[in-house]
Amino acid sequence: SWLPATFKAFNCLAANLAYSMILADTFKDLFSTFGLDVSRTNALLGVSTLVILPLCLMKNLSSLAPFSLLGIAGMGYLALAMAV
């Protein structure tokens, strides 16, 4: 049926939008640290265009494998830091 496909498409859209908003706030604060006054809208457009769009258009995801290992190492470091 069309309902599960529509729900999944909306779910992906909402998750991508939430991720973009978090990145936009992070980059806005990061730019302000360096003295650059960037609006949240410009940060959102820049992050969406320069970071998220190329990742969405990748046909082969094997080039992201080293970053997956880096993420796993980061989670291990965080677990170790929380345990201490």
N, C-alpha and C. Protein backbone atom coordinates (compact mmCIF):
# COMPACT_ATOMS: atom_id res chain seq x y z
N SER A 1 0.83 -1.18 0.00
CA SER A 1 0.00 0.00 0.00
C SER A 1 0.88 1.25 0.00
N TRP A 2 0.29 2.38 -0.27
CA TRP A 2 1.03 3.63 -0.33
C TRP A 2 1.26 4.24 1.04
N LEU A 3 0.50 3.83 2.04
CA LEU A 3 0.60 4.45 3.36
C LEU A 3 1.94 4.18 4.05
N PRO A 4 2.44 2.95 4.10
CA PRO A 4 3.76 2.75 4.74
C PRO A 4 4.89 3.48 4.02
N ALA A 5 4.84 3.51 2.70
CA ALA A 5 5.88 4.21 1.94
C ALA A 5 5.83 5.71 2.22
N THR A 6 4.64 6.26 2.30
CA THR A 6 4.49 7.69 2.60
C THR A 6 4.99 8.00 4.01
N PHE A 7 4.66 7.14 4.96
CA PHE A 7 5.11 7.35 6.32
C PHE A 7 6.62 7.27 6.42
N LYS A 8 7.25 6.31 5.74
CA LYS A 8 8.70 6.19 5.77
C LYS A 8 9.37 7.40 5.13
N ALA A 9 8.80 7.89 4.04
CA ALA A 9 9.37 9.07 3.38
C ALA A 9 9.27 10.28 4.31
N PHE A 10 8.14 10.45 4.98
CA PHE A 10 7.98 11.56 5.92
C PHE A 10 8.91 11.40 7.11
N ASN A 11 9.10 10.18 7.57
CA ASN A 11 10.00 9.91 8.69
C ASN A 11 11.44 10.29 8.33
N CYS A 12 11.88 9.92 7.14
CA CYS A 12 13.23 10.28 6.69
C CYS A 12 13.37 11.80 6.54
N LEU A 13 12.34 12.44 6.01
CA LEU A 13 12.36 13.88 5.85
C LEU A 13 12.46 14.57 7.21
N ALA A 14 11.67 14.14 8.17
CA ALA A 14 11.68 14.75 9.50
C ALA A 14 13.01 14.54 10.21
N ALA A 15 13.58 13.35 10.09
CA ALA A 15 14.87 13.07 10.72
C ALA A 15 15.97 13.91 10.09
N ASN A 16 15.95 14.04 8.78
CA ASN A 16 16.95 14.85 8.09
C ASN A 16 16.81 16.32 8.46
N LEU A 17 15.60 16.80 8.60
CA LEU A 17 15.37 18.19 8.99
C LEU A 17 15.85 18.44 10.42
N ALA A 18 15.57 17.52 11.32
CA ALA A 18 16.01 17.67 12.71
C ALA A 18 17.54 17.67 12.78
N TYR A 19 18.18 16.79 12.05
CA TYR A 19 19.64 16.73 12.00
C TYR A 19 20.20 18.03 11.44
N SER A 20 19.56 18.55 10.41
CA SER A 20 20.01 19.81 9.81
C SER A 20 19.89 20.97 10.79
N MET A 21 18.82 21.00 11.56
CA MET A 21 18.65 22.10 12.52
C MET A 21 19.70 22.04 13.62
N ILE A 22 20.03 20.84 14.08
CA ILE A 22 21.07 20.70 15.11
C ILE A 22 22.41 21.14 14.54
N LEU A 23 22.72 20.74 13.32
CA LEU A 23 23.97 21.15 12.70
C LEU A 23 24.00 22.66 12.46
N ALA A 24 22.86 23.25 12.07
CA ALA A 24 22.82 24.69 11.83
C ALA A 24 23.09 25.46 13.11
N ASP A 25 22.49 25.04 14.22
CA ASP A 25 22.76 25.71 15.50
C ASP A 25 24.21 25.54 15.92
N THR A 26 24.75 24.36 15.72
CA THR A 26 26.14 24.11 16.07
C THR A 26 27.09 24.97 15.24
N PHE A 27 26.86 25.02 13.93
CA PHE A 27 27.74 25.81 13.07
C PHE A 27 27.56 27.30 13.31
N LYS A 28 26.36 27.75 13.63
CA LYS A 28 26.14 29.16 13.95
C LYS A 28 26.95 29.55 15.17
N ASP A 29 26.92 28.72 16.21
CA ASP A 29 27.71 28.99 17.41
C ASP A 29 29.20 28.88 17.13
N LEU A 30 29.59 27.93 16.29
CA LEU A 30 30.99 27.77 15.94
C LEU A 30 31.51 28.98 15.17
N PHE A 31 30.72 29.49 14.23
CA PHE A 31 31.12 30.67 13.48
C PHE A 31 31.19 31.90 14.38
N SER A 32 30.28 32.01 15.34
CA SER A 32 30.31 33.16 16.25
C SER A 32 31.54 33.12 17.15
N THR A 33 32.06 31.92 17.41
CA THR A 33 33.30 31.79 18.18
C THR A 33 34.46 32.43 17.43
N PHE A 34 34.45 32.33 16.12
CA PHE A 34 35.51 32.92 15.30
C PHE A 34 35.20 34.35 14.89
N GLY A 35 34.13 34.93 15.43
CA GLY A 35 33.80 36.33 15.15
C GLY A 35 32.97 36.54 13.90
N LEU A 36 32.46 35.48 13.30
CA LEU A 36 31.62 35.61 12.11
C LEU A 36 30.16 35.60 12.52
N ASP A 37 29.42 36.61 12.10
CA ASP A 37 28.00 36.70 12.44
C ASP A 37 27.19 36.08 11.31
N VAL A 38 26.77 34.84 11.49
CA VAL A 38 26.00 34.10 10.48
C VAL A 38 24.63 33.83 11.06
N SER A 39 23.58 34.08 10.27
CA SER A 39 22.24 33.81 10.76
C SER A 39 21.98 32.30 10.75
N ARG A 40 20.98 31.89 11.50
CA ARG A 40 20.64 30.46 11.58
C ARG A 40 20.18 29.95 10.22
N THR A 41 19.46 30.78 9.49
CA THR A 41 18.97 30.39 8.16
C THR A 41 20.13 30.16 7.20
N ASN A 42 21.10 31.08 7.21
CA ASN A 42 22.26 30.91 6.32
C ASN A 42 23.08 29.69 6.73
N ALA A 43 23.21 29.46 8.03
CA ALA A 43 23.94 28.28 8.48
C ALA A 43 23.20 27.01 8.06
N LEU A 44 21.87 27.00 8.17
CA LEU A 44 21.08 25.84 7.76
C LEU A 44 21.21 25.58 6.26
N LEU A 45 21.12 26.64 5.46
CA LEU A 45 21.26 26.47 4.01
C LEU A 45 22.68 26.01 3.64
N GLY A 46 23.68 26.57 4.29
CA GLY A 46 25.05 26.19 4.00
C GLY A 46 25.34 24.74 4.38
N VAL A 47 24.90 24.35 5.56
CA VAL A 47 25.13 22.97 6.02
C VAL A 47 24.36 21.99 5.15
N SER A 48 23.13 22.32 4.83
CA SER A 48 22.32 21.42 4.00
C SER A 48 22.93 21.26 2.61
N THR A 49 23.41 22.36 2.06
CA THR A 49 23.95 22.32 0.70
C THR A 49 25.34 21.70 0.64
N LEU A 50 26.18 22.06 1.61
CA LEU A 50 27.58 21.64 1.53
C LEU A 50 27.90 20.34 2.25
N VAL A 51 27.07 19.92 3.21
CA VAL A 51 27.36 18.71 3.98
C VAL A 51 26.36 17.60 3.69
N ILE A 52 25.08 17.89 3.86
CA ILE A 52 24.07 16.83 3.81
C ILE A 52 23.75 16.41 2.38
N LEU A 53 23.62 17.36 1.46
CA LEU A 53 23.28 17.02 0.08
C LEU A 53 24.30 16.09 -0.57
N PRO A 54 25.61 16.37 -0.47
CA PRO A 54 26.56 15.42 -1.07
C PRO A 54 26.49 14.02 -0.44
N LEU A 55 26.23 13.96 0.88
CA LEU A 55 26.10 12.64 1.51
C LEU A 55 24.87 11.90 1.02
N CYS A 56 23.79 12.64 0.77
CA CYS A 56 22.57 12.00 0.27
C CYS A 56 22.71 11.53 -1.17
N LEU A 57 23.57 12.16 -1.93
CA LEU A 57 23.71 11.82 -3.34
C LEU A 57 24.79 10.76 -3.61
N MET A 58 25.44 10.27 -2.57
CA MET A 58 26.48 9.25 -2.75
C MET A 58 25.86 7.94 -3.20
N LYS A 59 26.43 7.35 -4.23
CA LYS A 59 25.93 6.06 -4.73
C LYS A 59 26.59 4.90 -4.00
N ASN A 60 27.87 5.05 -3.64
CA ASN A 60 28.62 4.00 -2.97
C ASN A 60 29.04 4.52 -1.60
N LEU A 61 28.58 3.88 -0.55
CA LEU A 61 28.85 4.35 0.81
C LEU A 61 30.10 3.74 1.42
N SER A 62 30.86 2.98 0.65
CA SER A 62 32.06 2.33 1.20
C SER A 62 33.12 3.35 1.60
N SER A 63 33.10 4.53 1.02
CA SER A 63 34.11 5.54 1.39
C SER A 63 33.85 6.11 2.78
N LEU A 64 32.69 5.84 3.36
CA LEU A 64 32.39 6.31 4.71
C LEU A 64 32.80 5.32 5.79
N ALA A 65 33.33 4.15 5.40
CA ALA A 65 33.68 3.10 6.36
C ALA A 65 34.71 3.55 7.40
N PRO A 66 35.76 4.30 7.04
CA PRO A 66 36.70 4.73 8.09
C PRO A 66 36.05 5.63 9.13
N PHE A 67 35.08 6.42 8.74
CA PHE A 67 34.41 7.31 9.68
C PHE A 67 33.49 6.53 10.61
N SER A 68 33.00 5.39 10.15
CA SER A 68 32.21 4.53 11.02
C SER A 68 33.09 3.97 12.12
N LEU A 69 34.28 3.57 11.78
CA LEU A 69 35.23 3.08 12.78
C LEU A 69 35.61 4.20 13.75
N LEU A 70 35.75 5.41 13.24
CA LEU A 70 36.04 6.56 14.10
C LEU A 70 34.88 6.81 15.06
N GLY A 71 33.65 6.66 14.61
CA GLY A 71 32.49 6.82 15.47
C GLY A 71 32.43 5.76 16.56
N ILE A 72 32.76 4.55 16.22
CA ILE A 72 32.78 3.47 17.21
C ILE A 72 33.86 3.75 18.26
N ALA A 73 35.02 4.23 17.81
CA ALA A 73 36.08 4.58 18.76
C ALA A 73 35.65 5.74 19.66
N GLY A 74 34.93 6.70 19.11
CA GLY A 74 34.42 7.80 19.90
C GLY A 74 33.42 7.36 20.94
N MET A 75 32.57 6.41 20.59
CA MET A 75 31.60 5.89 21.58
C MET A 75 32.32 5.12 22.67
N GLY A 76 33.37 4.39 22.32
CA GLY A 76 34.16 3.69 23.34
C GLY A 76 34.85 4.67 24.28
N TYR A 77 35.39 5.74 23.73
CA TYR A 77 36.03 6.78 24.54
C TYR A 77 35.02 7.44 25.47
N LEU A 78 33.82 7.70 24.97
CA LEU A 78 32.77 8.30 25.79
C LEU A 78 32.34 7.37 26.91
N ALA A 79 32.21 6.08 26.61
CA ALA A 79 31.85 5.11 27.66
C ALA A 79 32.93 5.03 28.73
N LEU A 80 34.19 5.09 28.30
CA LEU A 80 35.30 5.06 29.24
C LEU A 80 35.30 6.34 30.11
N ALA A 81 35.05 7.47 29.49
CA ALA A 81 35.02 8.73 30.23
C ALA A 81 33.86 8.76 31.24
N MET A 82 32.73 8.19 30.86
CA MET A 82 31.59 8.16 31.78
C MET A 82 31.82 7.18 32.93
N ALA A 83 32.59 6.13 32.68
CA ALA A 83 32.86 5.15 33.74
C ALA A 83 33.83 5.69 34.77
N VAL A 84 34.68 6.61 34.36
CA VAL A 84 35.70 7.15 35.29
C VAL A 84 35.18 8.30 36.05
